Amino acid sequence: MTELIASVTRFWQRIPKAVLFGAAILIQCVLLVLMVADRMQILRDGREVTLQTQPVDPRDLLRGDYVVLRYDISQLPAGRLTGKPSGTRNPLVFVKLAPGANGLYEAVSVHAEPIAVTAPEILIRGRVLYSCGSTSPIFCDKLTIKYGLESYFVPEGEGRTLEQARNQQKLRVVAAVLPSGRAAVKRLLLDGEPVYEEPWY
């Protein structure tokens, strides 16, 4: 075992530092391309759902010009999950959504595993912020869920206007959702009209 470690060490020492540096840059570029491609897939192939935003506390000024977003589906009753083991403090959950009479998607139920849905229903994946129980985590009766849709960067100086619209409940979000439940913000609607469209890349 010691000989093997010594051999590997000698091998790495023979590789020029420029090659290692180039390989590190290449790996970072590949990871960046994969992240962009993943987001493109969600925006291109995901089904669109329109969500109502809710007022939130003032923004964190340390993160630049962006709008903090919270939704009607951000806090939900756990339903049948209440009191069941959650496995971890921040478990994944799957929320079944269906369009209401106004066209906005609303939560129907929360599940610990993916379930089958029929159009126009859709399943969106989120992560519970915390679980109840100190020794063995269980689902609380009310869940605070994040979907990866909680912030949206906007041109400099325009965040405050959108935050005011959000707090007056005039701001809605169109999200793209894949069959796996993964979602991304696709566009913002102000008084029903598109104001920002997320580019694919």
N, C-alpha and C. Protein backbone atom coordinates (compact mmCIF):
# COMPACT_ATOMS: atom_id res chain seq x y z
N MET A 1 0.83 -1.20 0.00
CA MET A 1 0.00 0.00 0.00
C MET A 1 0.87 1.26 0.00
N THR A 2 1.94 1.22 0.82
CA THR A 2 2.85 2.36 0.89
C THR A 2 3.54 2.58 -0.45
N GLU A 3 3.91 1.46 -1.11
CA GLU A 3 4.55 1.56 -2.42
C GLU A 3 3.61 2.18 -3.45
N LEU A 4 2.34 1.79 -3.37
CA LEU A 4 1.35 2.33 -4.31
C LEU A 4 1.21 3.84 -4.13
N ILE A 5 1.12 4.29 -2.88
CA ILE A 5 1.01 5.72 -2.60
C ILE A 5 2.25 6.45 -3.10
N ALA A 6 3.42 5.84 -2.88
CA ALA A 6 4.66 6.46 -3.33
C ALA A 6 4.70 6.54 -4.85
N SER A 7 4.19 5.52 -5.52
CA SER A 7 4.17 5.52 -7.00
C SER A 7 3.26 6.61 -7.53
N VAL A 8 2.09 6.73 -6.91
CA VAL A 8 1.14 7.77 -7.33
C VAL A 8 1.75 9.15 -7.11
N THR A 9 2.41 9.33 -5.96
CA THR A 9 3.05 10.61 -5.65
C THR A 9 4.11 10.95 -6.68
N ARG A 10 4.94 9.96 -7.04
CA ARG A 10 5.97 10.21 -8.05
C ARG A 10 5.37 10.55 -9.40
N PHE A 11 4.25 9.86 -9.73
CA PHE A 11 3.57 10.13 -11.01
C PHE A 11 3.08 11.58 -11.07
N TRP A 12 2.44 12.05 -9.99
CA TRP A 12 1.93 13.43 -9.95
C TRP A 12 3.07 14.44 -10.01
N GLN A 13 4.19 14.10 -9.38
CA GLN A 13 5.32 15.02 -9.38
C GLN A 13 5.95 15.16 -10.76
N ARG A 14 5.80 14.14 -11.61
CA ARG A 14 6.36 14.20 -12.95
C ARG A 14 5.51 15.01 -13.91
N ILE A 15 4.23 15.23 -13.56
CA ILE A 15 3.34 15.99 -14.44
C ILE A 15 3.67 17.48 -14.30
N PRO A 16 3.94 18.16 -15.44
CA PRO A 16 4.24 19.60 -15.36
C PRO A 16 3.10 20.38 -14.72
N LYS A 17 3.44 21.39 -13.93
CA LYS A 17 2.42 22.21 -13.26
C LYS A 17 1.49 22.89 -14.25
N ALA A 18 2.02 23.25 -15.41
CA ALA A 18 1.18 23.90 -16.43
C ALA A 18 0.07 22.96 -16.90
N VAL A 19 0.39 21.67 -17.00
CA VAL A 19 -0.62 20.68 -17.42
C VAL A 19 -1.70 20.56 -16.34
N LEU A 20 -1.28 20.48 -15.08
CA LEU A 20 -2.25 20.39 -13.98
C LEU A 20 -3.13 21.63 -13.92
N PHE A 21 -2.51 22.79 -14.10
CA PHE A 21 -3.28 24.04 -14.09
C PHE A 21 -4.29 24.05 -15.23
N GLY A 22 -3.86 23.63 -16.43
CA GLY A 22 -4.76 23.57 -17.58
C GLY A 22 -5.90 22.60 -17.36
N ALA A 23 -5.58 21.45 -16.73
CA ALA A 23 -6.63 20.45 -16.46
C ALA A 23 -7.66 20.99 -15.48
N ALA A 24 -7.18 21.73 -14.46
CA ALA A 24 -8.11 22.32 -13.48
C ALA A 24 -9.04 23.32 -14.15
N ILE A 25 -8.50 24.15 -15.05
CA ILE A 25 -9.33 25.12 -15.77
C ILE A 25 -10.34 24.40 -16.66
N LEU A 26 -9.88 23.35 -17.33
CA LEU A 26 -10.78 22.59 -18.21
C LEU A 26 -11.93 21.98 -17.42
N ILE A 27 -11.63 21.41 -16.26
CA ILE A 27 -12.68 20.81 -15.43
C ILE A 27 -13.69 21.87 -15.00
N GLN A 28 -13.22 23.05 -14.60
CA GLN A 28 -14.13 24.12 -14.20
C GLN A 28 -15.02 24.55 -15.36
N CYS A 29 -14.42 24.64 -16.57
CA CYS A 29 -15.21 25.02 -17.75
C CYS A 29 -16.28 23.98 -18.06
N VAL A 30 -15.90 22.70 -17.95
CA VAL A 30 -16.86 21.63 -18.20
C VAL A 30 -18.02 21.70 -17.21
N LEU A 31 -17.70 21.91 -15.93
CA LEU A 31 -18.75 22.02 -14.91
C LEU A 31 -19.68 23.20 -15.18
N LEU A 32 -19.10 24.33 -15.61
CA LEU A 32 -19.91 25.51 -15.94
C LEU A 32 -20.84 25.22 -17.11
N VAL A 33 -20.30 24.57 -18.15
CA VAL A 33 -21.12 24.21 -19.32
C VAL A 33 -22.25 23.28 -18.92
N LEU A 34 -21.97 22.31 -18.04
CA LEU A 34 -23.00 21.38 -17.58
C LEU A 34 -24.10 22.11 -16.81
N MET A 35 -23.72 23.08 -15.98
CA MET A 35 -24.71 23.86 -15.23
C MET A 35 -25.60 24.65 -16.18
N VAL A 36 -24.99 25.29 -17.18
CA VAL A 36 -25.77 26.08 -18.15
C VAL A 36 -26.69 25.16 -18.94
N ALA A 37 -26.17 24.00 -19.37
CA ALA A 37 -26.98 23.05 -20.15
C ALA A 37 -28.15 22.53 -19.32
N ASP A 38 -27.91 22.29 -18.03
CA ASP A 38 -28.97 21.82 -17.15
C ASP A 38 -30.09 22.85 -17.04
N ARG A 39 -29.71 24.12 -16.86
CA ARG A 39 -30.72 25.18 -16.77
C ARG A 39 -31.45 25.35 -18.09
N MET A 40 -30.72 25.26 -19.21
CA MET A 40 -31.35 25.35 -20.53
C MET A 40 -32.41 24.27 -20.71
N GLN A 41 -32.10 23.06 -20.23
CA GLN A 41 -33.05 21.96 -20.38
C GLN A 41 -34.34 22.25 -19.62
N ILE A 42 -34.21 22.78 -18.41
CA ILE A 42 -35.41 23.10 -17.62
C ILE A 42 -36.24 24.16 -18.33
N LEU A 43 -35.58 25.25 -18.78
CA LEU A 43 -36.32 26.35 -19.40
C LEU A 43 -36.91 25.94 -20.74
N ARG A 44 -36.21 25.07 -21.48
CA ARG A 44 -36.68 24.67 -22.80
C ARG A 44 -37.78 23.61 -22.73
N ASP A 45 -37.58 22.59 -21.86
CA ASP A 45 -38.47 21.44 -21.86
C ASP A 45 -39.51 21.45 -20.75
N GLY A 46 -39.33 22.30 -19.75
CA GLY A 46 -40.25 22.29 -18.61
C GLY A 46 -41.63 22.85 -18.95
N ARG A 47 -42.65 22.30 -18.31
CA ARG A 47 -44.01 22.83 -18.45
C ARG A 47 -44.12 24.11 -17.66
N GLU A 48 -44.85 25.08 -18.19
CA GLU A 48 -44.99 26.37 -17.53
C GLU A 48 -46.11 26.34 -16.49
N VAL A 49 -45.81 26.88 -15.31
CA VAL A 49 -46.82 27.07 -14.27
C VAL A 49 -46.69 28.50 -13.77
N THR A 50 -47.81 29.15 -13.52
CA THR A 50 -47.80 30.53 -13.02
C THR A 50 -48.10 30.51 -11.53
N LEU A 51 -47.23 31.17 -10.76
CA LEU A 51 -47.33 31.16 -9.30
C LEU A 51 -47.52 32.57 -8.77
N GLN A 52 -48.33 32.70 -7.74
CA GLN A 52 -48.55 33.98 -7.08
C GLN A 52 -47.46 34.21 -6.04
N THR A 53 -46.87 35.40 -6.05
CA THR A 53 -45.86 35.73 -5.04
C THR A 53 -46.54 36.33 -3.81
N GLN A 54 -45.79 36.31 -2.71
CA GLN A 54 -46.26 36.84 -1.44
C GLN A 54 -45.28 37.90 -0.92
N PRO A 55 -45.74 38.84 -0.09
CA PRO A 55 -44.81 39.82 0.51
C PRO A 55 -43.75 39.12 1.34
N VAL A 56 -42.54 39.70 1.37
CA VAL A 56 -41.45 39.16 2.19
C VAL A 56 -40.76 40.29 2.92
N ASP A 57 -39.86 39.93 3.82
CA ASP A 57 -39.08 40.92 4.55
C ASP A 57 -38.16 41.67 3.59
N PRO A 58 -37.64 42.85 4.00
CA PRO A 58 -36.72 43.60 3.13
C PRO A 58 -35.56 42.75 2.67
N ARG A 59 -35.04 43.07 1.47
CA ARG A 59 -33.99 42.25 0.86
C ARG A 59 -32.66 42.40 1.59
N ASP A 60 -31.83 41.39 1.38
CA ASP A 60 -30.47 41.40 1.90
C ASP A 60 -29.61 42.20 0.93
N LEU A 61 -29.16 43.37 1.34
CA LEU A 61 -28.43 44.27 0.45
C LEU A 61 -27.06 43.75 0.07
N LEU A 62 -26.59 42.71 0.74
CA LEU A 62 -25.27 42.19 0.45
C LEU A 62 -25.24 41.35 -0.82
N ARG A 63 -26.39 41.01 -1.37
CA ARG A 63 -26.40 40.11 -2.51
C ARG A 63 -26.69 40.81 -3.83
N GLY A 64 -26.70 42.13 -3.86
CA GLY A 64 -26.84 42.84 -5.12
C GLY A 64 -28.29 43.07 -5.50
N ASP A 65 -28.50 43.40 -6.78
CA ASP A 65 -29.84 43.76 -7.25
C ASP A 65 -30.60 42.51 -7.64
N TYR A 66 -31.40 42.02 -6.75
CA TYR A 66 -32.24 40.87 -7.06
C TYR A 66 -33.52 40.98 -6.24
N VAL A 67 -34.52 40.25 -6.68
CA VAL A 67 -35.81 40.25 -6.00
C VAL A 67 -35.94 38.93 -5.23
N VAL A 68 -36.23 39.03 -3.95
CA VAL A 68 -36.50 37.84 -3.14
C VAL A 68 -37.94 37.44 -3.38
N LEU A 69 -38.16 36.16 -3.65
CA LEU A 69 -39.50 35.68 -4.00
C LEU A 69 -39.98 34.62 -3.01
N ARG A 70 -41.22 34.78 -2.61
CA ARG A 70 -41.90 33.78 -1.80
C ARG A 70 -43.28 33.59 -2.41
N TYR A 71 -43.83 32.40 -2.26
CA TYR A 71 -45.05 32.04 -2.99
C TYR A 71 -46.14 31.54 -2.05
N ASP A 72 -47.34 31.45 -2.61
CA ASP A 72 -48.42 30.81 -1.87
C ASP A 72 -48.05 29.37 -1.51
N ILE A 73 -47.21 28.73 -2.34
CA ILE A 73 -46.84 27.34 -2.10
C ILE A 73 -45.58 27.20 -1.24
N SER A 74 -45.08 28.32 -0.70
CA SER A 74 -43.85 28.26 0.11
C SER A 74 -44.11 27.71 1.52
N GLN A 75 -45.31 27.89 2.04
CA GLN A 75 -45.68 27.34 3.34
C GLN A 75 -46.97 26.54 3.18
N LEU A 76 -46.88 25.25 3.48
CA LEU A 76 -48.01 24.35 3.23
C LEU A 76 -48.24 23.44 4.42
N PRO A 77 -49.50 23.02 4.63
CA PRO A 77 -49.74 21.98 5.64
C PRO A 77 -49.15 20.66 5.15
N ALA A 78 -48.59 19.88 6.07
CA ALA A 78 -47.96 18.62 5.68
C ALA A 78 -48.96 17.55 5.31
N GLY A 79 -50.22 17.71 5.76
CA GLY A 79 -51.24 16.71 5.44
C GLY A 79 -50.88 15.35 5.99
N ARG A 80 -50.90 14.32 5.12
CA ARG A 80 -50.64 12.95 5.57
C ARG A 80 -49.20 12.71 6.01
N LEU A 81 -48.30 13.65 5.69
CA LEU A 81 -46.91 13.49 6.11
C LEU A 81 -46.70 13.88 7.57
N THR A 82 -47.64 14.59 8.17
CA THR A 82 -47.47 15.09 9.53
C THR A 82 -47.08 13.98 10.50
N GLY A 83 -45.96 14.17 11.20
CA GLY A 83 -45.52 13.21 12.21
C GLY A 83 -44.78 12.01 11.67
N LYS A 84 -44.69 11.86 10.35
CA LYS A 84 -43.97 10.72 9.78
C LYS A 84 -42.48 11.03 9.73
N PRO A 85 -41.62 9.99 9.76
CA PRO A 85 -40.18 10.23 9.70
C PRO A 85 -39.80 10.96 8.41
N SER A 86 -38.96 11.98 8.55
CA SER A 86 -38.53 12.74 7.38
C SER A 86 -37.18 12.27 6.86
N GLY A 87 -36.47 11.46 7.64
CA GLY A 87 -35.18 10.95 7.20
C GLY A 87 -34.04 11.90 7.50
N THR A 88 -34.19 13.18 7.14
CA THR A 88 -33.17 14.19 7.40
C THR A 88 -33.85 15.46 7.91
N ARG A 89 -33.03 16.42 8.31
CA ARG A 89 -33.58 17.70 8.78
C ARG A 89 -34.15 18.51 7.63
N ASN A 90 -33.64 18.32 6.44
CA ASN A 90 -34.09 19.08 5.27
C ASN A 90 -34.45 18.14 4.12
N PRO A 91 -35.54 17.39 4.28
CA PRO A 91 -35.86 16.38 3.26
C PRO A 91 -36.42 17.00 1.97
N LEU A 92 -36.25 16.26 0.88
CA LEU A 92 -36.92 16.61 -0.36
C LEU A 92 -38.38 16.23 -0.26
N VAL A 93 -39.24 17.06 -0.84
CA VAL A 93 -40.66 16.73 -0.94
C VAL A 93 -41.13 17.05 -2.36
N PHE A 94 -42.27 16.49 -2.72
CA PHE A 94 -42.86 16.71 -4.03
C PHE A 94 -44.28 17.23 -3.83
N VAL A 95 -44.54 18.43 -4.38
CA VAL A 95 -45.83 19.09 -4.18
C VAL A 95 -46.64 18.97 -5.46
N LYS A 96 -47.83 18.43 -5.34
CA LYS A 96 -48.72 18.35 -6.50
C LYS A 96 -49.45 19.68 -6.65
N LEU A 97 -49.33 20.27 -7.84
CA LEU A 97 -49.97 21.54 -8.15
C LEU A 97 -51.06 21.33 -9.19
N ALA A 98 -52.07 22.17 -9.11
CA ALA A 98 -53.14 22.17 -10.11
C ALA A 98 -53.60 23.60 -10.32
N PRO A 99 -54.01 23.96 -11.55
CA PRO A 99 -54.45 25.33 -11.79
C PRO A 99 -55.80 25.61 -11.14
N GLY A 100 -55.90 26.80 -10.54
CA GLY A 100 -57.18 27.23 -9.98
C GLY A 100 -58.02 27.92 -11.05
N ALA A 101 -59.15 28.47 -10.62
CA ALA A 101 -60.05 29.13 -11.57
C ALA A 101 -59.40 30.34 -12.23
N ASN A 102 -58.44 30.97 -11.54
CA ASN A 102 -57.78 32.16 -12.08
C ASN A 102 -56.54 31.82 -12.92
N GLY A 103 -56.28 30.51 -13.10
CA GLY A 103 -55.14 30.10 -13.89
C GLY A 103 -53.85 29.95 -13.11
N LEU A 104 -53.83 30.42 -11.86
CA LEU A 104 -52.64 30.27 -11.02
C LEU A 104 -52.59 28.85 -10.46
N TYR A 105 -51.38 28.31 -10.42
CA TYR A 105 -51.23 26.96 -9.88
C TYR A 105 -51.21 27.01 -8.36
N GLU A 106 -51.94 26.07 -7.75
CA GLU A 106 -52.09 26.01 -6.31
C GLU A 106 -51.71 24.61 -5.82
N ALA A 107 -51.25 24.54 -4.58
CA ALA A 107 -50.85 23.25 -4.01
C ALA A 107 -52.08 22.40 -3.71
N VAL A 108 -51.98 21.12 -4.04
CA VAL A 108 -53.04 20.16 -3.76
C VAL A 108 -52.63 19.25 -2.60
N SER A 109 -51.38 18.76 -2.64
CA SER A 109 -50.90 17.85 -1.61
C SER A 109 -49.38 17.81 -1.62
N VAL A 110 -48.81 17.32 -0.52
CA VAL A 110 -47.35 17.21 -0.37
C VAL A 110 -47.00 15.75 -0.16
N HIS A 111 -45.91 15.29 -0.82
CA HIS A 111 -45.54 13.87 -0.78
C HIS A 111 -44.04 13.74 -0.55
N ALA A 112 -43.64 12.65 0.11
CA ALA A 112 -42.23 12.39 0.35
C ALA A 112 -41.56 11.76 -0.86
N GLU A 113 -42.33 11.20 -1.77
CA GLU A 113 -41.82 10.55 -2.98
C GLU A 113 -42.60 11.07 -4.18
N PRO A 114 -42.02 10.96 -5.38
CA PRO A 114 -42.78 11.36 -6.58
C PRO A 114 -44.03 10.50 -6.74
N ILE A 115 -45.10 11.11 -7.19
CA ILE A 115 -46.35 10.38 -7.47
C ILE A 115 -46.78 10.67 -8.90
N ALA A 116 -47.65 9.85 -9.42
CA ALA A 116 -48.17 10.07 -10.78
C ALA A 116 -49.19 11.19 -10.75
N VAL A 117 -49.12 12.07 -11.74
CA VAL A 117 -50.11 13.14 -11.89
C VAL A 117 -50.60 13.15 -13.32
N THR A 118 -51.79 13.71 -13.53
CA THR A 118 -52.35 13.81 -14.87
C THR A 118 -52.54 15.28 -15.20
N ALA A 119 -52.24 15.63 -16.47
CA ALA A 119 -52.39 17.02 -16.90
C ALA A 119 -53.81 17.52 -16.63
N PRO A 120 -53.96 18.77 -16.19
CA PRO A 120 -52.94 19.82 -16.09
C PRO A 120 -52.19 19.85 -14.76
N GLU A 121 -52.36 18.81 -13.93
CA GLU A 121 -51.59 18.77 -12.67
C GLU A 121 -50.11 18.65 -12.98
N ILE A 122 -49.30 19.05 -12.03
CA ILE A 122 -47.85 18.96 -12.19
C ILE A 122 -47.22 18.75 -10.82
N LEU A 123 -46.06 18.09 -10.82
CA LEU A 123 -45.35 17.81 -9.58
C LEU A 123 -44.09 18.67 -9.54
N ILE A 124 -43.93 19.46 -8.48
CA ILE A 124 -42.75 20.31 -8.33
C ILE A 124 -41.97 19.85 -7.11
N ARG A 125 -40.64 19.83 -7.24
CA ARG A 125 -39.78 19.33 -6.17
C ARG A 125 -39.26 20.48 -5.32
N GLY A 126 -39.26 20.30 -4.02
CA GLY A 126 -38.74 21.31 -3.11
C GLY A 126 -38.02 20.67 -1.94
N ARG A 127 -37.40 21.52 -1.14
CA ARG A 127 -36.71 21.02 0.05
C ARG A 127 -37.26 21.72 1.28
N VAL A 128 -37.63 20.94 2.29
CA VAL A 128 -38.15 21.47 3.54
C VAL A 128 -37.01 22.14 4.30
N LEU A 129 -37.26 23.34 4.82
CA LEU A 129 -36.20 24.08 5.50
C LEU A 129 -35.81 23.46 6.84
N TYR A 130 -36.75 22.84 7.53
CA TYR A 130 -36.42 22.21 8.80
C TYR A 130 -37.49 21.17 9.11
N SER A 131 -37.13 20.23 9.96
CA SER A 131 -38.06 19.20 10.40
C SER A 131 -38.22 19.28 11.91
N CYS A 132 -39.26 18.68 12.41
CA CYS A 132 -39.49 18.63 13.85
C CYS A 132 -38.79 17.41 14.44
N GLY A 133 -38.67 17.38 15.74
CA GLY A 133 -38.03 16.25 16.42
C GLY A 133 -36.54 16.45 16.53
N SER A 134 -36.00 16.29 17.72
CA SER A 134 -34.58 16.55 17.94
C SER A 134 -33.72 15.31 17.69
N THR A 135 -34.21 14.14 18.03
CA THR A 135 -33.39 12.94 17.86
C THR A 135 -33.69 12.24 16.54
N SER A 136 -34.94 12.07 16.21
CA SER A 136 -35.28 11.46 14.93
C SER A 136 -36.24 12.38 14.21
N PRO A 137 -35.78 13.06 13.15
CA PRO A 137 -36.59 14.09 12.48
C PRO A 137 -37.89 13.54 11.91
N ILE A 138 -38.95 14.31 12.13
CA ILE A 138 -40.25 13.98 11.55
C ILE A 138 -40.79 15.22 10.83
N PHE A 139 -41.79 15.01 9.98
CA PHE A 139 -42.41 16.14 9.29
C PHE A 139 -43.29 16.92 10.27
N CYS A 140 -43.08 18.25 10.30
CA CYS A 140 -43.94 19.13 11.11
C CYS A 140 -45.32 19.19 10.48
N ASP A 141 -46.29 19.74 11.20
CA ASP A 141 -47.64 19.85 10.63
C ASP A 141 -47.71 20.94 9.56
N LYS A 142 -46.79 21.94 9.63
CA LYS A 142 -46.69 22.96 8.59
C LYS A 142 -45.27 22.96 8.06
N LEU A 143 -45.14 23.02 6.73
CA LEU A 143 -43.84 22.93 6.09
C LEU A 143 -43.48 24.23 5.39
N THR A 144 -42.24 24.66 5.58
CA THR A 144 -41.67 25.77 4.81
C THR A 144 -40.77 25.14 3.75
N ILE A 145 -41.08 25.40 2.49
CA ILE A 145 -40.43 24.69 1.38
C ILE A 145 -39.77 25.67 0.43
N LYS A 146 -38.55 25.34 0.00
CA LYS A 146 -37.86 26.11 -1.03
C LYS A 146 -37.78 25.27 -2.30
N TYR A 147 -37.99 25.93 -3.43
CA TYR A 147 -38.04 25.23 -4.72
C TYR A 147 -36.89 25.62 -5.65
N GLY A 148 -35.99 26.49 -5.19
CA GLY A 148 -34.96 27.00 -6.08
C GLY A 148 -35.48 28.14 -6.95
N LEU A 149 -36.61 28.72 -6.55
CA LEU A 149 -37.25 29.82 -7.29
C LEU A 149 -37.30 31.09 -6.43
N GLU A 150 -36.49 31.15 -5.39
CA GLU A 150 -36.66 32.18 -4.37
C GLU A 150 -35.90 33.47 -4.61
N SER A 151 -35.15 33.58 -5.69
CA SER A 151 -34.49 34.86 -6.00
C SER A 151 -34.38 35.01 -7.50
N TYR A 152 -34.41 36.27 -7.94
CA TYR A 152 -34.30 36.56 -9.37
C TYR A 152 -33.51 37.84 -9.55
N PHE A 153 -32.38 37.75 -10.26
CA PHE A 153 -31.53 38.93 -10.48
C PHE A 153 -32.13 39.79 -11.58
N VAL A 154 -32.11 41.11 -11.36
CA VAL A 154 -32.70 42.06 -12.30
C VAL A 154 -31.68 43.16 -12.61
N PRO A 155 -31.92 43.95 -13.68
CA PRO A 155 -31.00 45.06 -13.97
C PRO A 155 -30.85 45.99 -12.78
N GLU A 156 -29.67 46.57 -12.65
CA GLU A 156 -29.36 47.44 -11.52
C GLU A 156 -30.38 48.56 -11.38
N GLY A 157 -30.85 48.76 -10.16
CA GLY A 157 -31.79 49.84 -9.88
C GLY A 157 -33.24 49.49 -10.07
N GLU A 158 -33.56 48.28 -10.59
CA GLU A 158 -34.96 47.93 -10.87
C GLU A 158 -35.55 46.98 -9.84
N GLY A 159 -34.71 46.53 -8.90
CA GLY A 159 -35.21 45.58 -7.91
C GLY A 159 -36.27 46.16 -6.99
N ARG A 160 -36.09 47.41 -6.60
CA ARG A 160 -37.03 48.02 -5.65
C ARG A 160 -38.45 48.10 -6.22
N THR A 161 -38.57 48.45 -7.51
CA THR A 161 -39.89 48.54 -8.13
C THR A 161 -40.59 47.19 -8.10
N LEU A 162 -39.84 46.14 -8.43
CA LEU A 162 -40.44 44.80 -8.44
C LEU A 162 -40.77 44.32 -7.03
N GLU A 163 -39.96 44.70 -6.06
CA GLU A 163 -40.27 44.33 -4.68
C GLU A 163 -41.56 44.99 -4.21
N GLN A 164 -41.75 46.25 -4.60
CA GLN A 164 -43.01 46.92 -4.24
C GLN A 164 -44.20 46.22 -4.88
N ALA A 165 -44.04 45.84 -6.16
CA ALA A 165 -45.11 45.12 -6.85
C ALA A 165 -45.36 43.77 -6.19
N ARG A 166 -44.29 43.09 -5.78
CA ARG A 166 -44.43 41.81 -5.08
C ARG A 166 -45.21 41.98 -3.79
N ASN A 167 -44.86 43.02 -3.01
CA ASN A 167 -45.53 43.22 -1.73
C ASN A 167 -46.98 43.66 -1.89
N GLN A 168 -47.33 44.18 -3.07
CA GLN A 168 -48.73 44.50 -3.38
C GLN A 168 -49.43 43.35 -4.08
N GLN A 169 -48.72 42.21 -4.19
CA GLN A 169 -49.21 40.98 -4.84
C GLN A 169 -49.60 41.22 -6.30
N LYS A 170 -48.85 42.11 -6.97
CA LYS A 170 -49.04 42.35 -8.39
C LYS A 170 -48.03 41.59 -9.24
N LEU A 171 -47.09 40.92 -8.57
CA LEU A 171 -46.02 40.22 -9.27
C LEU A 171 -46.29 38.72 -9.25
N ARG A 172 -46.22 38.11 -10.43
CA ARG A 172 -46.36 36.66 -10.55
C ARG A 172 -45.15 36.10 -11.27
N VAL A 173 -44.91 34.83 -11.06
CA VAL A 173 -43.75 34.16 -11.66
C VAL A 173 -44.23 33.00 -12.51
N VAL A 174 -43.70 32.92 -13.72
CA VAL A 174 -43.91 31.75 -14.56
C VAL A 174 -42.67 30.88 -14.41
N ALA A 175 -42.86 29.67 -13.89
CA ALA A 175 -41.76 28.73 -13.70
C ALA A 175 -41.86 27.60 -14.71
N ALA A 176 -40.71 27.11 -15.14
CA ALA A 176 -40.65 25.91 -15.98
C ALA A 176 -40.36 24.73 -15.07
N VAL A 177 -41.15 23.65 -15.22
CA VAL A 177 -41.01 22.49 -14.34
C VAL A 177 -40.86 21.23 -15.19
N LEU A 178 -39.79 20.48 -14.94
CA LEU A 178 -39.57 19.22 -15.64
C LEU A 178 -40.39 18.10 -14.99
N PRO A 179 -40.60 16.98 -15.70
CA PRO A 179 -41.31 15.85 -15.09
C PRO A 179 -40.67 15.36 -13.80
N SER A 180 -39.35 15.56 -13.64
CA SER A 180 -38.67 15.16 -12.40
C SER A 180 -39.03 16.06 -11.23
N GLY A 181 -39.67 17.22 -11.52
CA GLY A 181 -40.03 18.16 -10.46
C GLY A 181 -39.08 19.33 -10.33
N ARG A 182 -37.92 19.27 -11.00
CA ARG A 182 -36.97 20.38 -10.93
C ARG A 182 -37.53 21.58 -11.67
N ALA A 183 -37.28 22.78 -11.11
CA ALA A 183 -37.93 23.99 -11.65
C ALA A 183 -36.94 25.14 -11.73
N ALA A 184 -37.28 26.11 -12.58
CA ALA A 184 -36.50 27.34 -12.71
C ALA A 184 -37.44 28.47 -13.09
N VAL A 185 -37.09 29.70 -12.65
CA VAL A 185 -37.89 30.87 -13.03
C VAL A 185 -37.71 31.12 -14.53
N LYS A 186 -38.82 31.26 -15.24
CA LYS A 186 -38.76 31.50 -16.69
C LYS A 186 -39.05 32.95 -17.04
N ARG A 187 -40.04 33.54 -16.37
CA ARG A 187 -40.32 34.96 -16.61
C ARG A 187 -41.08 35.54 -15.42
N LEU A 188 -41.05 36.87 -15.32
CA LEU A 188 -41.82 37.60 -14.31
C LEU A 188 -42.96 38.32 -15.00
N LEU A 189 -44.12 38.34 -14.34
CA LEU A 189 -45.29 39.04 -14.84
C LEU A 189 -45.67 40.15 -13.87
N LEU A 190 -45.83 41.34 -14.38
CA LEU A 190 -46.27 42.48 -13.56
C LEU A 190 -47.64 42.89 -14.06
N ASP A 191 -48.65 42.77 -13.19
CA ASP A 191 -50.04 43.02 -13.59
C ASP A 191 -50.41 42.19 -14.82
N GLY A 192 -49.90 40.96 -14.87
CA GLY A 192 -50.24 40.04 -15.95
C GLY A 192 -49.41 40.18 -17.21
N GLU A 193 -48.54 41.20 -17.26
CA GLU A 193 -47.73 41.43 -18.46
C GLU A 193 -46.28 41.02 -18.20
N PRO A 194 -45.63 40.35 -19.16
CA PRO A 194 -44.23 39.96 -18.98
C PRO A 194 -43.32 41.17 -18.83
N VAL A 195 -42.44 41.15 -17.83
CA VAL A 195 -41.47 42.24 -17.64
C VAL A 195 -40.03 41.75 -17.75
N TYR A 196 -39.79 40.48 -17.42
CA TYR A 196 -38.45 39.91 -17.56
C TYR A 196 -38.58 38.49 -18.05
N GLU A 197 -37.77 38.14 -19.03
CA GLU A 197 -37.72 36.78 -19.57
C GLU A 197 -36.32 36.23 -19.33
N GLU A 198 -36.25 35.06 -18.73
CA GLU A 198 -34.95 34.47 -18.44
C GLU A 198 -34.35 33.88 -19.70
N PRO A 199 -33.13 34.31 -20.11
CA PRO A 199 -32.50 33.70 -21.28
C PRO A 199 -32.10 32.26 -20.98
N TRP A 200 -31.99 31.45 -22.02
CA TRP A 200 -31.61 30.04 -21.82
C TRP A 200 -30.18 29.91 -21.35
N TYR A 201 -29.35 30.92 -21.63
CA TYR A 201 -27.94 30.84 -21.24
C TYR A 201 -27.42 32.19 -20.86
